[in-house]
Amino acid sequence: MFEAVLFDLDGTFADTAPDLAAALNRLRSDLGLAALPAARLRSLTSQGARGMLKAGLDMQQGDPDYAEFHDRFLLSLAVEN
């Protein structure tokens, strides 16, 4: 028997691309970097935080500061929502 059923509605019922782009750009702003156009980031939003950090900060899992920036991105996303 299943204990839970999960539905991934991101992009299906909810257009979260603007929120993800805004969260990334808030983080970029905190770092003194210019904002990236939301249209440029839209195709990467399906990759979640991992895709946003790669596109916006050229950072990927395994980088020494990845965990810190991943957490900062998620906090920024929570503020946006």
PDB file of N, CA and C in Angstrom:
ATOM      1  N   MET A   1       0.837  -1.177   0.000  1.00  0.00           N
ATOM      2  CA  MET A   1       0.000   0.000   0.000  1.00  0.00           C
ATOM      3  C   MET A   1       0.883   1.242   0.000  1.00  0.00           C
ATOM      4  N   PHE A   2       0.454   2.256  -0.707  1.00  0.00           N
ATOM      5  CA  PHE A   2       1.180   3.513  -0.778  1.00  0.00           C
ATOM      6  C   PHE A   2       0.939   4.357   0.477  1.00  0.00           C
ATOM      7  N   GLU A   3       1.981   5.001   0.950  1.00  0.00           N
ATOM      8  CA  GLU A   3       1.839   5.908   2.084  1.00  0.00           C
ATOM      9  C   GLU A   3       1.598   7.341   1.620  1.00  0.00           C
ATOM     10  N   ALA A   4       1.991   7.633   0.395  1.00  0.00           N
ATOM     11  CA  ALA A   4       1.824   9.001  -0.116  1.00  0.00           C
ATOM     12  C   ALA A   4       1.791   8.967  -1.636  1.00  0.00           C
ATOM     13  N   VAL A   5       1.157   9.948  -2.173  1.00  0.00           N
ATOM     14  CA  VAL A   5       1.142  10.143  -3.613  1.00  0.00           C
ATOM     15  C   VAL A   5       1.609  11.570  -3.864  1.00  0.00           C
ATOM     16  N   LEU A   6       2.595  11.725  -4.717  1.00  0.00           N
ATOM     17  CA  LEU A   6       3.136  13.051  -5.006  1.00  0.00           C
ATOM     18  C   LEU A   6       2.792  13.443  -6.429  1.00  0.00           C
ATOM     19  N   PHE A   7       2.434  14.675  -6.598  1.00  0.00           N
ATOM     20  CA  PHE A   7       2.144  15.220  -7.915  1.00  0.00           C
ATOM     21  C   PHE A   7       3.101  16.358  -8.183  1.00  0.00           C
ATOM     22  N   ASP A   8       3.731  16.354  -9.323  1.00  0.00           N
ATOM     23  CA  ASP A   8       4.604  17.451  -9.744  1.00  0.00           C
ATOM     24  C   ASP A   8       3.773  18.369 -10.637  1.00  0.00           C
ATOM     25  N   LEU A   9       3.283  19.447 -10.058  1.00  0.00           N
ATOM     26  CA  LEU A   9       2.399  20.361 -10.780  1.00  0.00           C
ATOM     27  C   LEU A   9       3.134  21.566 -11.330  1.00  0.00           C
ATOM     28  N   ASP A  10       4.413  21.656 -11.026  1.00  0.00           N
ATOM     29  CA  ASP A  10       5.196  22.789 -11.490  1.00  0.00           C
ATOM     30  C   ASP A  10       5.210  22.826 -13.008  1.00  0.00           C
ATOM     31  N   GLY A  11       4.720  23.898 -13.559  1.00  0.00           N
ATOM     32  CA  GLY A  11       4.675  24.041 -15.002  1.00  0.00           C
ATOM     33  C   GLY A  11       3.414  23.469 -15.613  1.00  0.00           C
ATOM     34  N   THR A  12       2.665  22.708 -14.831  1.00  0.00           N
ATOM     35  CA  THR A  12       1.407  22.153 -15.322  1.00  0.00           C
ATOM     36  C   THR A  12       0.243  23.039 -14.896  1.00  0.00           C
ATOM     37  N   PHE A  13       0.095  23.212 -13.600  1.00  0.00           N
ATOM     38  CA  PHE A  13      -0.969  24.060 -13.073  1.00  0.00           C
ATOM     39  C   PHE A  13      -0.440  25.382 -12.539  1.00  0.00           C
ATOM     40  N   ALA A  14       0.824  25.439 -12.275  1.00  0.00           N
ATOM     41  CA  ALA A  14       1.423  26.644 -11.708  1.00  0.00           C
ATOM     42  C   ALA A  14       2.636  27.048 -12.537  1.00  0.00           C
ATOM     43  N   ASP A  15       2.632  28.278 -12.989  1.00  0.00           N
ATOM     44  CA  ASP A  15       3.782  28.798 -13.737  1.00  0.00           C
ATOM     45  C   ASP A  15       4.748  29.406 -12.730  1.00  0.00           C
ATOM     46  N   THR A  16       5.726  28.618 -12.313  1.00  0.00           N
ATOM     47  CA  THR A  16       6.663  29.057 -11.287  1.00  0.00           C
ATOM     48  C   THR A  16       7.937  29.660 -11.868  1.00  0.00           C
ATOM     49  N   ALA A  17       8.047  29.697 -13.181  1.00  0.00           N
ATOM     50  CA  ALA A  17       9.257  30.235 -13.809  1.00  0.00           C
ATOM     51  C   ALA A  17       9.550  31.667 -13.339  1.00  0.00           C
ATOM     52  N   PRO A  18       8.559  32.559 -13.277  1.00  0.00           N
ATOM     53  CA  PRO A  18       8.859  33.915 -12.805  1.00  0.00           C
ATOM     54  C   PRO A  18       9.372  33.935 -11.362  1.00  0.00           C
ATOM     55  N   ASP A  19       8.845  33.061 -10.512  1.00  0.00           N
ATOM     56  CA  ASP A  19       9.303  33.004  -9.120  1.00  0.00           C
ATOM     57  C   ASP A  19      10.741  32.508  -9.025  1.00  0.00           C
ATOM     58  N   LEU A  20      11.064  31.477  -9.800  1.00  0.00           N
ATOM     59  CA  LEU A  20      12.428  30.948  -9.789  1.00  0.00           C
ATOM     60  C   LEU A  20      13.414  31.985 -10.319  1.00  0.00           C
ATOM     61  N   ALA A  21      13.040  32.678 -11.391  1.00  0.00           N
ATOM     62  CA  ALA A  21      13.917  33.716 -11.956  1.00  0.00           C
ATOM     63  C   ALA A  21      14.099  34.856 -10.957  1.00  0.00           C
ATOM     64  N   ALA A  22      13.020  35.251 -10.301  1.00  0.00           N
ATOM     65  CA  ALA A  22      13.116  36.340  -9.319  1.00  0.00           C
ATOM     66  C   ALA A  22      14.006  35.938  -8.145  1.00  0.00           C
ATOM     67  N   ALA A  23      13.875  34.695  -7.694  1.00  0.00           N
ATOM     68  CA  ALA A  23      14.709  34.222  -6.584  1.00  0.00           C
ATOM     69  C   ALA A  23      16.183  34.220  -6.980  1.00  0.00           C
ATOM     70  N   LEU A  24      16.480  33.757  -8.183  1.00  0.00           N
ATOM     71  CA  LEU A  24      17.863  33.759  -8.652  1.00  0.00           C
ATOM     72  C   LEU A  24      18.378  35.189  -8.760  1.00  0.00           C
ATOM     73  N   ASN A  25      17.587  36.068  -9.308  1.00  0.00           N
ATOM     74  CA  ASN A  25      18.036  37.448  -9.478  1.00  0.00           C
ATOM     75  C   ASN A  25      18.181  38.180  -8.143  1.00  0.00           C
ATOM     76  N   ARG A  26      17.382  37.804  -7.148  1.00  0.00           N
ATOM     77  CA  ARG A  26      17.575  38.366  -5.806  1.00  0.00           C
ATOM     78  C   ARG A  26      18.943  37.929  -5.271  1.00  0.00           C
ATOM     79  N   LEU A  27      19.272  36.672  -5.453  1.00  0.00           N
ATOM     80  CA  LEU A  27      20.567  36.149  -5.009  1.00  0.00           C
ATOM     81  C   LEU A  27      21.694  36.839  -5.776  1.00  0.00           C
ATOM     82  N   ARG A  28      21.536  36.983  -7.080  1.00  0.00           N
ATOM     83  CA  ARG A  28      22.557  37.680  -7.880  1.00  0.00           C
ATOM     84  C   ARG A  28      22.734  39.116  -7.394  1.00  0.00           C
ATOM     85  N   SER A  29      21.630  39.773  -7.097  1.00  0.00           N
ATOM     86  CA  SER A  29      21.700  41.146  -6.596  1.00  0.00           C
ATOM     87  C   SER A  29      22.465  41.215  -5.273  1.00  0.00           C
ATOM     88  N   ASP A  30      22.188  40.260  -4.378  1.00  0.00           N
ATOM     89  CA  ASP A  30      22.906  40.199  -3.097  1.00  0.00           C
ATOM     90  C   ASP A  30      24.407  40.054  -3.304  1.00  0.00           C
ATOM     91  N   LEU A  31      24.787  39.453  -4.421  1.00  0.00           N
ATOM     92  CA  LEU A  31      26.202  39.239  -4.727  1.00  0.00           C
ATOM     93  C   LEU A  31      26.790  40.364  -5.582  1.00  0.00           C
ATOM     94  N   GLY A  32      25.987  41.379  -5.874  1.00  0.00           N
ATOM     95  CA  GLY A  32      26.461  42.497  -6.680  1.00  0.00           C
ATOM     96  C   GLY A  32      26.468  42.208  -8.168  1.00  0.00           C
ATOM     97  N   LEU A  33      25.698  41.218  -8.595  1.00  0.00           N
ATOM     98  CA  LEU A  33      25.636  40.851 -10.010  1.00  0.00           C
ATOM     99  C   LEU A  33      24.346  41.370 -10.631  1.00  0.00           C
ATOM    100  N   ALA A  34      24.398  41.637 -11.921  1.00  0.00           N
ATOM    101  CA  ALA A  34      23.218  42.118 -12.641  1.00  0.00           C
ATOM    102  C   ALA A  34      22.188  41.001 -12.786  1.00  0.00           C
ATOM    103  N   ALA A  35      20.945  41.397 -12.863  1.00  0.00           N
ATOM    104  CA  ALA A  35      19.853  40.444 -13.075  1.00  0.00           C
ATOM    105  C   ALA A  35      19.947  39.838 -14.471  1.00  0.00           C
ATOM    106  N   LEU A  36      19.475  38.620 -14.578  1.00  0.00           N
ATOM    107  CA  LEU A  36      19.368  37.941 -15.874  1.00  0.00           C
ATOM    108  C   LEU A  36      17.919  38.031 -16.338  1.00  0.00           C
ATOM    109  N   PRO A  37      17.695  38.163 -17.640  1.00  0.00           N
ATOM    110  CA  PRO A  37      16.317  38.217 -18.140  1.00  0.00           C
ATOM    111  C   PRO A  37      15.561  36.928 -17.826  1.00  0.00           C
ATOM    112  N   ALA A  38      14.349  37.081 -17.334  1.00  0.00           N
ATOM    113  CA  ALA A  38      13.528  35.921 -16.992  1.00  0.00           C
ATOM    114  C   ALA A  38      13.324  35.013 -18.204  1.00  0.00           C
ATOM    115  N   ALA A  39      13.219  35.601 -19.380  1.00  0.00           N
ATOM    116  CA  ALA A  39      13.016  34.797 -20.599  1.00  0.00           C
ATOM    117  C   ALA A  39      14.194  33.857 -20.838  1.00  0.00           C
ATOM    118  N   ARG A  40      15.388  34.297 -20.487  1.00  0.00           N
ATOM    119  CA  ARG A  40      16.581  33.449 -20.662  1.00  0.00           C
ATOM    120  C   ARG A  40      16.567  32.268 -19.694  1.00  0.00           C
ATOM    121  N   LEU A  41      15.944  32.457 -18.540  1.00  0.00           N
ATOM    122  CA  LEU A  41      15.946  31.427 -17.506  1.00  0.00           C
ATOM    123  C   LEU A  41      14.770  30.467 -17.619  1.00  0.00           C
ATOM    124  N   ARG A  42      13.723  30.858 -18.324  1.00  0.00           N
ATOM    125  CA  ARG A  42      12.486  30.073 -18.375  1.00  0.00           C
ATOM    126  C   ARG A  42      12.736  28.610 -18.760  1.00  0.00           C
ATOM    127  N   SER A  43      13.550  28.372 -19.743  1.00  0.00           N
ATOM    128  CA  SER A  43      13.760  26.993 -20.203  1.00  0.00           C
ATOM    129  C   SER A  43      14.532  26.149 -19.181  1.00  0.00           C
ATOM    130  N   LEU A  44      15.142  26.796 -18.209  1.00  0.00           N
ATOM    131  CA  LEU A  44      15.935  26.074 -17.209  1.00  0.00           C
ATOM    132  C   LEU A  44      15.171  25.806 -15.926  1.00  0.00           C
ATOM    133  N   THR A  45      13.978  26.386 -15.817  1.00  0.00           N
ATOM    134  CA  THR A  45      13.254  26.269 -14.554  1.00  0.00           C
ATOM    135  C   THR A  45      12.856  24.838 -14.223  1.00  0.00           C
ATOM    136  N   SER A  46      12.709  23.991 -15.217  1.00  0.00           N
ATOM    137  CA  SER A  46      12.351  22.598 -14.942  1.00  0.00           C
ATOM    138  C   SER A  46      13.484  21.863 -14.223  1.00  0.00           C
ATOM    139  N   GLN A  47      14.659  22.459 -14.209  1.00  0.00           N
ATOM    140  CA  GLN A  47      15.804  21.862 -13.513  1.00  0.00           C
ATOM    141  C   GLN A  47      15.899  22.323 -12.063  1.00  0.00           C
ATOM    142  N   GLY A  48      14.962  23.185 -11.644  1.00  0.00           N
ATOM    143  CA  GLY A  48      14.901  23.624 -10.255  1.00  0.00           C
ATOM    144  C   GLY A  48      16.119  24.420  -9.819  1.00  0.00           C
ATOM    145  N   ALA A  49      16.399  24.335  -8.536  1.00  0.00           N
ATOM    146  CA  ALA A  49      17.505  25.103  -7.959  1.00  0.00           C
ATOM    147  C   ALA A  49      18.829  24.762  -8.630  1.00  0.00           C
ATOM    148  N   ARG A  50      19.009  23.493  -8.943  1.00  0.00           N
ATOM    149  CA  ARG A  50      20.257  23.063  -9.587  1.00  0.00           C
ATOM    150  C   ARG A  50      20.472  23.799 -10.908  1.00  0.00           C
ATOM    151  N   GLY A  51      19.435  23.867 -11.724  1.00  0.00           N
ATOM    152  CA  GLY A  51      19.531  24.553 -13.008  1.00  0.00           C
ATOM    153  C   GLY A  51      19.705  26.048 -12.860  1.00  0.00           C
ATOM    154  N   MET A  52      19.014  26.617 -11.877  1.00  0.00           N
ATOM    155  CA  MET A  52      19.113  28.063 -11.658  1.00  0.00           C
ATOM    156  C   MET A  52      20.518  28.453 -11.197  1.00  0.00           C
ATOM    157  N   LEU A  53      21.086  27.668 -10.296  1.00  0.00           N
ATOM    158  CA  LEU A  53      22.435  27.985  -9.811  1.00  0.00           C
ATOM    159  C   LEU A  53      23.480  27.805 -10.906  1.00  0.00           C
ATOM    160  N   LYS A  54      23.272  26.815 -11.763  1.00  0.00           N
ATOM    161  CA  LYS A  54      24.197  26.609 -12.883  1.00  0.00           C
ATOM    162  C   LYS A  54      24.110  27.792 -13.851  1.00  0.00           C
ATOM    163  N   ALA A  55      22.894  28.190 -14.197  1.00  0.00           N
ATOM    164  CA  ALA A  55      22.706  29.270 -15.164  1.00  0.00           C
ATOM    165  C   ALA A  55      23.103  30.630 -14.602  1.00  0.00           C
ATOM    166  N   GLY A  56      22.797  30.853 -13.337  1.00  0.00           N
ATOM    167  CA  GLY A  56      22.989  32.187 -12.780  1.00  0.00           C
ATOM    168  C   GLY A  56      24.316  32.434 -12.105  1.00  0.00           C
ATOM    169  N   LEU A  57      24.934  31.364 -11.617  1.00  0.00           N
ATOM    170  CA  LEU A  57      26.195  31.532 -10.883  1.00  0.00           C
ATOM    171  C   LEU A  57      27.292  30.598 -11.372  1.00  0.00           C
ATOM    172  N   ASP A  58      27.010  29.857 -12.446  1.00  0.00           N
ATOM    173  CA  ASP A  58      27.949  28.868 -12.970  1.00  0.00           C
ATOM    174  C   ASP A  58      28.436  27.953 -11.853  1.00  0.00           C
ATOM    175  N   MET A  59      27.481  27.505 -11.044  1.00  0.00           N
ATOM    176  CA  MET A  59      27.790  26.685  -9.880  1.00  0.00           C
ATOM    177  C   MET A  59      27.034  25.367  -9.998  1.00  0.00           C
ATOM    178  N   GLN A  60      27.695  24.290  -9.622  1.00  0.00           N
ATOM    179  CA  GLN A  60      27.037  22.990  -9.670  1.00  0.00           C
ATOM    180  C   GLN A  60      27.371  22.178  -8.433  1.00  0.00           C
ATOM    181  N   GLN A  61      26.571  21.129  -8.237  1.00  0.00           N
ATOM    182  CA  GLN A  61      26.821  20.262  -7.100  1.00  0.00           C
ATOM    183  C   GLN A  61      28.269  19.806  -7.145  1.00  0.00           C
ATOM    184  N   GLY A  62      28.884  19.769  -5.995  1.00  0.00           N
ATOM    185  CA  GLY A  62      30.291  19.402  -5.924  1.00  0.00           C
ATOM    186  C   GLY A  62      31.183  20.616  -5.733  1.00  0.00           C
ATOM    187  N   ASP A  63      30.689  21.803  -6.127  1.00  0.00           N
ATOM    188  CA  ASP A  63      31.449  23.023  -5.871  1.00  0.00           C
ATOM    189  C   ASP A  63      31.478  23.260  -4.357  1.00  0.00           C
ATOM    190  N   PRO A  64      32.588  23.782  -3.841  1.00  0.00           N
ATOM    191  CA  PRO A  64      32.723  23.941  -2.389  1.00  0.00           C
ATOM    192  C   PRO A  64      31.608  24.757  -1.732  1.00  0.00           C
ATOM    193  N   ASP A  65      31.105  25.770  -2.397  1.00  0.00           N
ATOM    194  CA  ASP A  65      30.086  26.637  -1.803  1.00  0.00           C
ATOM    195  C   ASP A  65      28.668  26.300  -2.256  1.00  0.00           C
ATOM    196  N   TYR A  66      28.505  25.187  -2.964  1.00  0.00           N
ATOM    197  CA  TYR A  66      27.192  24.868  -3.535  1.00  0.00           C
ATOM    198  C   TYR A  66      26.096  24.786  -2.477  1.00  0.00           C
ATOM    199  N   ALA A  67      26.340  24.075  -1.387  1.00  0.00           N
ATOM    200  CA  ALA A  67      25.306  23.884  -0.369  1.00  0.00           C
ATOM    201  C   ALA A  67      24.835  25.230   0.190  1.00  0.00           C
ATOM    202  N   GLU A  68      25.783  26.123   0.435  1.00  0.00           N
ATOM    203  CA  GLU A  68      25.424  27.440   0.964  1.00  0.00           C
ATOM    204  C   GLU A  68      24.536  28.199  -0.022  1.00  0.00           C
ATOM    205  N   PHE A  69      24.925  28.217  -1.289  1.00  0.00           N
ATOM    206  CA  PHE A  69      24.160  28.970  -2.273  1.00  0.00           C
ATOM    207  C   PHE A  69      22.839  28.285  -2.610  1.00  0.00           C
ATOM    208  N   HIS A  70      22.802  26.986  -2.523  1.00  0.00           N
ATOM    209  CA  HIS A  70      21.549  26.256  -2.708  1.00  0.00           C
ATOM    210  C   HIS A  70      20.558  26.685  -1.617  1.00  0.00           C
ATOM    211  N   ASP A  71      21.026  26.708  -0.375  1.00  0.00           N
ATOM    212  CA  ASP A  71      20.170  27.135   0.735  1.00  0.00           C
ATOM    213  C   ASP A  71      19.740  28.588   0.573  1.00  0.00           C
ATOM    214  N   ARG A  72      20.652  29.444   0.160  1.00  0.00           N
ATOM    215  CA  ARG A  72      20.315  30.854  -0.043  1.00  0.00           C
ATOM    216  C   ARG A  72      19.289  31.021  -1.159  1.00  0.00           C
ATOM    217  N   PHE A  73      19.425  30.221  -2.215  1.00  0.00           N
ATOM    218  CA  PHE A  73      18.449  30.283  -3.301  1.00  0.00           C
ATOM    219  C   PHE A  73      17.071  29.861  -2.796  1.00  0.00           C
ATOM    220  N   LEU A  74      17.006  28.764  -2.057  1.00  0.00           N
ATOM    221  CA  LEU A  74      15.718  28.288  -1.547  1.00  0.00           C
ATOM    222  C   LEU A  74      15.089  29.298  -0.593  1.00  0.00           C
ATOM    223  N   LEU A  75      15.895  29.948   0.220  1.00  0.00           N
ATOM    224  CA  LEU A  75      15.378  30.994   1.105  1.00  0.00           C
ATOM    225  C   LEU A  75      14.837  32.155   0.283  1.00  0.00           C
ATOM    226  N   SER A  76      15.557  32.540  -0.738  1.00  0.00           N
ATOM    227  CA  SER A  76      15.104  33.613  -1.619  1.00  0.00           C
ATOM    228  C   SER A  76      13.805  33.221  -2.324  1.00  0.00           C
ATOM    229  N   LEU A  77      13.696  31.974  -2.717  1.00  0.00           N
ATOM    230  CA  LEU A  77      12.472  31.487  -3.352  1.00  0.00           C
ATOM    231  C   LEU A  77      11.303  31.540  -2.379  1.00  0.00           C
ATOM    232  N   ALA A  78      11.548  31.185  -1.126  1.00  0.00           N
ATOM    233  CA  ALA A  78      10.491  31.238  -0.111  1.00  0.00           C
ATOM    234  C   ALA A  78      10.013  32.675   0.093  1.00  0.00           C
ATOM    235  N   VAL A  79      10.928  33.627   0.025  1.00  0.00           N
ATOM    236  CA  VAL A  79      10.570  35.039   0.173  1.00  0.00           C
ATOM    237  C   VAL A  79       9.711  35.482  -0.998  1.00  0.00           C
ATOM    238  N   GLU A  80      10.024  34.995  -2.198  1.00  0.00           N
ATOM    239  CA  GLU A  80       9.263  35.365  -3.396  1.00  0.00           C
ATOM    240  C   GLU A  80       7.840  34.846  -3.330  1.00  0.00           C
ATOM    241  N   ASN A  81       7.657  33.716  -2.689  1.00  0.00           N
ATOM    242  CA  ASN A  81       6.330  33.106  -2.643  1.00  0.00           C
ATOM    243  C   ASN A  81       5.648  33.472  -1.365  1.00  0.00           C
TER     244      ASN A  81
END
